[in-house]
Amino acid sequence: MNYNHKKFRPISNSENGETTSETIFEYKQTGNILTSVYRGGQIISGHLIGLVAAEGTIEMRYHQVNTKGELMAGICFSKPEIMPNGKIRLYETWKWTSGDNTAGTSILEEI
């Protein structure tokens, strides 16, 4: 699976997460290396880097600055689903490696 030039938006997130439906992720992929810049909602600026497995799962690390001026970081694992309209939905489990170190889940959809 190739995520290059695809954009995603969260449709759900745990209460302890910072991304919202206003957050837009712009993915780039070269080989199995995935990068993204993202912003919107509570996120002023965010970046992620990850590795894409053959089946399309992603293991990534992210860091971001929120509207409170805090630098936050975490890890995330994403599992893709191809929806009937051909777009990708990502089911994510994540954990903060900064702040309170809590975990959560989110769902992103390709826009």
N, C-alpha and C. Protein backbone atom coordinates (compact mmCIF):
# COMPACT_ATOMS: atom_id res chain seq x y z
N MET A 1 0.86 -1.18 0.00
CA MET A 1 0.00 0.00 0.00
C MET A 1 0.89 1.23 0.00
N ASN A 2 0.46 2.23 -0.75
CA ASN A 2 1.24 3.45 -0.83
C ASN A 2 0.37 4.63 -0.39
N TYR A 3 0.87 5.39 0.56
CA TYR A 3 0.15 6.53 1.13
C TYR A 3 0.60 7.86 0.54
N ASN A 4 1.47 7.83 -0.46
CA ASN A 4 2.06 9.06 -0.99
C ASN A 4 0.98 10.01 -1.52
N HIS A 5 1.05 11.26 -1.12
CA HIS A 5 0.15 12.35 -1.54
C HIS A 5 -1.29 12.16 -1.08
N LYS A 6 -1.51 11.34 -0.05
CA LYS A 6 -2.86 11.18 0.49
C LYS A 6 -3.02 12.07 1.72
N LYS A 7 -4.26 12.57 1.90
CA LYS A 7 -4.58 13.41 3.06
C LYS A 7 -5.60 12.68 3.92
N PHE A 8 -5.44 12.82 5.24
CA PHE A 8 -6.32 12.16 6.19
C PHE A 8 -6.81 13.16 7.23
N ARG A 9 -7.98 12.85 7.80
CA ARG A 9 -8.60 13.66 8.84
C ARG A 9 -9.18 12.70 9.89
N PRO A 10 -8.99 12.99 11.19
CA PRO A 10 -9.59 12.14 12.22
C PRO A 10 -11.11 12.23 12.20
N ILE A 11 -11.75 11.08 12.38
CA ILE A 11 -13.21 11.08 12.54
C ILE A 11 -13.58 10.71 13.98
N SER A 12 -12.60 10.18 14.74
CA SER A 12 -12.81 9.93 16.17
C SER A 12 -11.44 9.88 16.85
N ASN A 13 -11.45 10.19 18.15
CA ASN A 13 -10.22 10.16 18.93
C ASN A 13 -10.59 10.02 20.40
N SER A 14 -9.72 9.42 21.18
CA SER A 14 -9.91 9.33 22.62
C SER A 14 -9.86 10.73 23.23
N GLU A 15 -10.49 10.90 24.40
CA GLU A 15 -10.54 12.22 25.04
C GLU A 15 -9.17 12.79 25.34
N ASN A 16 -8.18 11.94 25.58
CA ASN A 16 -6.84 12.41 25.93
C ASN A 16 -5.99 12.72 24.70
N GLY A 17 -6.56 12.61 23.51
CA GLY A 17 -5.86 12.95 22.28
C GLY A 17 -6.01 14.42 21.94
N GLU A 18 -5.18 14.91 21.03
CA GLU A 18 -5.22 16.32 20.65
C GLU A 18 -5.72 16.55 19.22
N THR A 19 -5.76 15.52 18.40
CA THR A 19 -6.24 15.72 17.04
C THR A 19 -7.77 15.74 17.02
N THR A 20 -8.32 16.52 16.08
CA THR A 20 -9.77 16.63 15.91
C THR A 20 -10.06 16.57 14.42
N SER A 21 -11.33 16.69 14.07
CA SER A 21 -11.71 16.68 12.65
C SER A 21 -11.13 17.87 11.89
N GLU A 22 -10.61 18.86 12.62
CA GLU A 22 -9.97 20.02 11.98
C GLU A 22 -8.50 19.77 11.66
N THR A 23 -7.94 18.66 12.15
CA THR A 23 -6.53 18.33 11.92
C THR A 23 -6.38 17.61 10.59
N ILE A 24 -5.53 18.11 9.73
CA ILE A 24 -5.29 17.50 8.42
C ILE A 24 -3.86 16.97 8.37
N PHE A 25 -3.73 15.69 8.00
CA PHE A 25 -2.44 15.02 7.82
C PHE A 25 -2.16 14.91 6.32
N GLU A 26 -1.00 15.33 5.89
CA GLU A 26 -0.57 15.20 4.50
C GLU A 26 0.58 14.21 4.44
N TYR A 27 0.30 13.02 3.89
CA TYR A 27 1.27 11.92 3.89
C TYR A 27 2.15 11.96 2.65
N LYS A 28 3.42 11.61 2.86
CA LYS A 28 4.38 11.38 1.77
C LYS A 28 5.02 10.02 2.04
N GLN A 29 5.27 9.26 1.00
CA GLN A 29 5.90 7.96 1.17
C GLN A 29 6.94 7.73 0.09
N THR A 30 8.12 7.29 0.52
CA THR A 30 9.20 6.88 -0.38
C THR A 30 9.65 5.51 0.08
N GLY A 31 9.47 4.51 -0.79
CA GLY A 31 9.74 3.14 -0.36
C GLY A 31 8.79 2.80 0.77
N ASN A 32 9.34 2.31 1.89
CA ASN A 32 8.47 2.00 3.03
C ASN A 32 8.54 3.08 4.11
N ILE A 33 9.15 4.23 3.80
CA ILE A 33 9.26 5.31 4.78
C ILE A 33 8.14 6.32 4.56
N LEU A 34 7.37 6.54 5.61
CA LEU A 34 6.24 7.46 5.57
C LEU A 34 6.57 8.69 6.40
N THR A 35 6.26 9.86 5.88
CA THR A 35 6.37 11.10 6.65
C THR A 35 5.08 11.88 6.49
N SER A 36 4.84 12.79 7.42
CA SER A 36 3.66 13.62 7.32
C SER A 36 3.87 14.91 8.10
N VAL A 37 3.30 15.97 7.58
CA VAL A 37 3.12 17.20 8.35
C VAL A 37 1.62 17.30 8.62
N TYR A 38 1.28 17.85 9.78
CA TYR A 38 -0.14 18.00 10.10
C TYR A 38 -0.34 19.22 10.98
N ARG A 39 -1.56 19.74 10.92
CA ARG A 39 -1.92 20.92 11.71
C ARG A 39 -3.44 21.04 11.70
N GLY A 40 -3.92 21.88 12.59
CA GLY A 40 -5.35 22.16 12.65
C GLY A 40 -5.94 21.80 14.00
N GLY A 41 -6.99 22.52 14.39
CA GLY A 41 -7.60 22.29 15.70
C GLY A 41 -6.63 22.68 16.79
N GLN A 42 -6.32 21.77 17.69
CA GLN A 42 -5.42 22.03 18.81
C GLN A 42 -3.94 21.93 18.43
N ILE A 43 -3.64 21.56 17.18
CA ILE A 43 -2.26 21.35 16.74
C ILE A 43 -1.80 22.54 15.90
N ILE A 44 -0.76 23.24 16.37
CA ILE A 44 -0.17 24.32 15.59
C ILE A 44 0.72 23.74 14.50
N SER A 45 1.56 22.76 14.88
CA SER A 45 2.45 22.11 13.92
C SER A 45 2.80 20.73 14.42
N GLY A 46 2.72 19.74 13.51
CA GLY A 46 3.07 18.37 13.88
C GLY A 46 3.78 17.67 12.74
N HIS A 47 4.59 16.68 13.10
CA HIS A 47 5.33 15.87 12.13
C HIS A 47 5.30 14.42 12.60
N LEU A 48 5.32 13.51 11.65
CA LEU A 48 5.47 12.10 12.01
C LEU A 48 6.38 11.43 11.00
N ILE A 49 6.97 10.32 11.45
CA ILE A 49 7.77 9.47 10.57
C ILE A 49 7.43 8.04 10.94
N GLY A 50 7.31 7.20 9.91
CA GLY A 50 6.94 5.82 10.18
C GLY A 50 7.43 4.88 9.11
N LEU A 51 7.21 3.60 9.40
CA LEU A 51 7.54 2.53 8.47
C LEU A 51 6.26 1.82 8.07
N VAL A 52 6.08 1.61 6.77
CA VAL A 52 4.91 0.94 6.24
C VAL A 52 5.28 -0.51 5.93
N ALA A 53 4.52 -1.44 6.50
CA ALA A 53 4.73 -2.87 6.23
C ALA A 53 4.04 -3.25 4.93
N ALA A 54 4.36 -4.43 4.41
CA ALA A 54 3.81 -4.88 3.12
C ALA A 54 2.28 -4.85 3.11
N GLU A 55 1.64 -5.18 4.23
CA GLU A 55 0.17 -5.21 4.29
C GLU A 55 -0.45 -3.84 4.55
N GLY A 56 0.41 -2.80 4.64
CA GLY A 56 -0.08 -1.44 4.79
C GLY A 56 -0.15 -0.92 6.21
N THR A 57 0.17 -1.76 7.20
CA THR A 57 0.20 -1.26 8.57
C THR A 57 1.35 -0.27 8.72
N ILE A 58 1.20 0.64 9.66
CA ILE A 58 2.20 1.69 9.87
C ILE A 58 2.62 1.70 11.34
N GLU A 59 3.92 1.72 11.57
CA GLU A 59 4.48 1.98 12.89
C GLU A 59 5.12 3.36 12.81
N MET A 60 4.71 4.27 13.70
CA MET A 60 5.20 5.64 13.56
C MET A 60 5.51 6.28 14.91
N ARG A 61 6.25 7.37 14.82
CA ARG A 61 6.54 8.25 15.95
C ARG A 61 6.09 9.65 15.53
N TYR A 62 5.51 10.39 16.46
CA TYR A 62 5.04 11.73 16.14
C TYR A 62 5.45 12.73 17.21
N HIS A 63 5.54 14.00 16.81
CA HIS A 63 5.75 15.10 17.74
C HIS A 63 4.99 16.32 17.22
N GLN A 64 4.53 17.12 18.16
CA GLN A 64 3.68 18.24 17.77
C GLN A 64 3.72 19.32 18.84
N VAL A 65 3.40 20.55 18.41
CA VAL A 65 3.23 21.67 19.33
C VAL A 65 1.75 22.01 19.32
N ASN A 66 1.15 22.03 20.53
CA ASN A 66 -0.28 22.31 20.62
C ASN A 66 -0.53 23.80 20.88
N THR A 67 -1.79 24.18 20.93
CA THR A 67 -2.16 25.58 21.11
C THR A 67 -1.82 26.10 22.50
N LYS A 68 -1.47 25.22 23.44
CA LYS A 68 -1.01 25.63 24.76
C LYS A 68 0.49 25.93 24.75
N GLY A 69 1.15 25.71 23.59
CA GLY A 69 2.58 25.91 23.49
C GLY A 69 3.40 24.74 24.01
N GLU A 70 2.76 23.58 24.19
CA GLU A 70 3.45 22.39 24.70
C GLU A 70 3.98 21.55 23.56
N LEU A 71 5.16 20.99 23.75
CA LEU A 71 5.74 20.03 22.81
C LEU A 71 5.34 18.64 23.29
N MET A 72 4.59 17.90 22.46
CA MET A 72 4.10 16.58 22.81
C MET A 72 4.66 15.56 21.82
N ALA A 73 4.82 14.31 22.28
CA ALA A 73 5.36 13.26 21.43
C ALA A 73 4.71 11.93 21.78
N GLY A 74 4.74 11.00 20.80
CA GLY A 74 4.16 9.70 21.06
C GLY A 74 4.48 8.70 19.98
N ILE A 75 3.93 7.50 20.17
CA ILE A 75 4.06 6.40 19.21
C ILE A 75 2.66 5.98 18.77
N CYS A 76 2.57 5.45 17.55
CA CYS A 76 1.27 5.08 17.00
C CYS A 76 1.42 3.88 16.07
N PHE A 77 0.42 3.01 16.09
CA PHE A 77 0.34 1.87 15.17
C PHE A 77 -0.99 1.97 14.44
N SER A 78 -0.95 1.94 13.11
CA SER A 78 -2.14 2.11 12.28
C SER A 78 -2.39 0.87 11.44
N LYS A 79 -3.67 0.50 11.34
CA LYS A 79 -4.08 -0.63 10.50
C LYS A 79 -5.08 -0.11 9.48
N PRO A 80 -4.80 -0.31 8.17
CA PRO A 80 -5.69 0.25 7.14
C PRO A 80 -6.87 -0.66 6.82
N GLU A 81 -7.93 -0.01 6.37
CA GLU A 81 -9.09 -0.69 5.79
C GLU A 81 -9.46 0.07 4.53
N ILE A 82 -9.69 -0.64 3.44
CA ILE A 82 -10.17 0.00 2.21
C ILE A 82 -11.69 0.02 2.28
N MET A 83 -12.26 1.21 2.26
CA MET A 83 -13.71 1.36 2.34
C MET A 83 -14.34 1.10 0.98
N PRO A 84 -15.67 0.88 0.92
CA PRO A 84 -16.35 0.62 -0.35
C PRO A 84 -16.12 1.70 -1.41
N ASN A 85 -15.89 2.96 -0.98
CA ASN A 85 -15.66 4.04 -1.94
C ASN A 85 -14.20 4.10 -2.42
N GLY A 86 -13.36 3.13 -1.95
CA GLY A 86 -11.97 3.08 -2.37
C GLY A 86 -11.02 3.89 -1.51
N LYS A 87 -11.56 4.70 -0.62
CA LYS A 87 -10.73 5.50 0.29
C LYS A 87 -10.21 4.62 1.42
N ILE A 88 -9.16 5.11 2.09
CA ILE A 88 -8.53 4.37 3.19
C ILE A 88 -9.02 4.90 4.53
N ARG A 89 -9.32 3.97 5.44
CA ARG A 89 -9.61 4.30 6.84
C ARG A 89 -8.50 3.68 7.67
N LEU A 90 -7.93 4.46 8.60
CA LEU A 90 -6.86 3.97 9.46
C LEU A 90 -7.35 3.84 10.89
N TYR A 91 -7.22 2.63 11.44
CA TYR A 91 -7.55 2.37 12.85
C TYR A 91 -6.24 2.44 13.63
N GLU A 92 -6.18 3.38 14.58
CA GLU A 92 -4.92 3.66 15.25
C GLU A 92 -4.99 3.40 16.75
N THR A 93 -3.90 2.86 17.27
CA THR A 93 -3.68 2.79 18.71
C THR A 93 -2.42 3.60 18.97
N TRP A 94 -2.45 4.46 19.96
CA TRP A 94 -1.34 5.37 20.20
C TRP A 94 -1.09 5.52 21.69
N LYS A 95 0.10 6.05 22.00
CA LYS A 95 0.50 6.30 23.38
C LYS A 95 1.39 7.53 23.43
N TRP A 96 1.07 8.42 24.34
CA TRP A 96 1.94 9.56 24.57
C TRP A 96 3.25 9.07 25.20
N THR A 97 4.38 9.62 24.73
CA THR A 97 5.66 9.37 25.38
C THR A 97 6.12 10.63 26.10
N SER A 98 5.23 11.60 26.18
CA SER A 98 5.44 12.83 26.94
C SER A 98 4.15 13.09 27.70
N GLY A 99 4.17 14.12 28.52
CA GLY A 99 2.95 14.45 29.27
C GLY A 99 2.58 13.33 30.23
N ASP A 100 1.33 12.89 30.19
CA ASP A 100 0.85 11.90 31.16
C ASP A 100 1.09 10.44 30.74
N ASN A 101 1.68 10.22 29.57
CA ASN A 101 2.00 8.86 29.08
C ASN A 101 0.78 7.96 28.94
N THR A 102 -0.41 8.54 28.74
CA THR A 102 -1.60 7.72 28.57
C THR A 102 -1.70 7.23 27.12
N ALA A 103 -2.62 6.30 26.89
CA ALA A 103 -2.82 5.71 25.57
C ALA A 103 -4.24 6.00 25.09
N GLY A 104 -4.46 5.76 23.78
CA GLY A 104 -5.79 5.97 23.23
C GLY A 104 -5.91 5.33 21.86
N THR A 105 -7.07 5.56 21.25
CA THR A 105 -7.33 5.07 19.90
C THR A 105 -7.92 6.20 19.08
N SER A 106 -7.74 6.12 17.78
CA SER A 106 -8.33 7.09 16.87
C SER A 106 -8.61 6.42 15.54
N ILE A 107 -9.46 7.05 14.76
CA ILE A 107 -9.76 6.59 13.40
C ILE A 107 -9.59 7.78 12.47
N LEU A 108 -8.81 7.58 11.42
CA LEU A 108 -8.60 8.61 10.40
C LEU A 108 -9.19 8.12 9.09
N GLU A 109 -9.71 9.04 8.29
CA GLU A 109 -10.22 8.70 6.97
C GLU A 109 -9.56 9.58 5.92
N GLU A 110 -9.29 8.97 4.78
CA GLU A 110 -8.74 9.70 3.64
C GLU A 110 -9.75 10.71 3.13
N ILE A 111 -9.26 11.91 2.80
CA ILE A 111 -10.16 12.94 2.27
C ILE A 111 -9.78 13.28 0.84
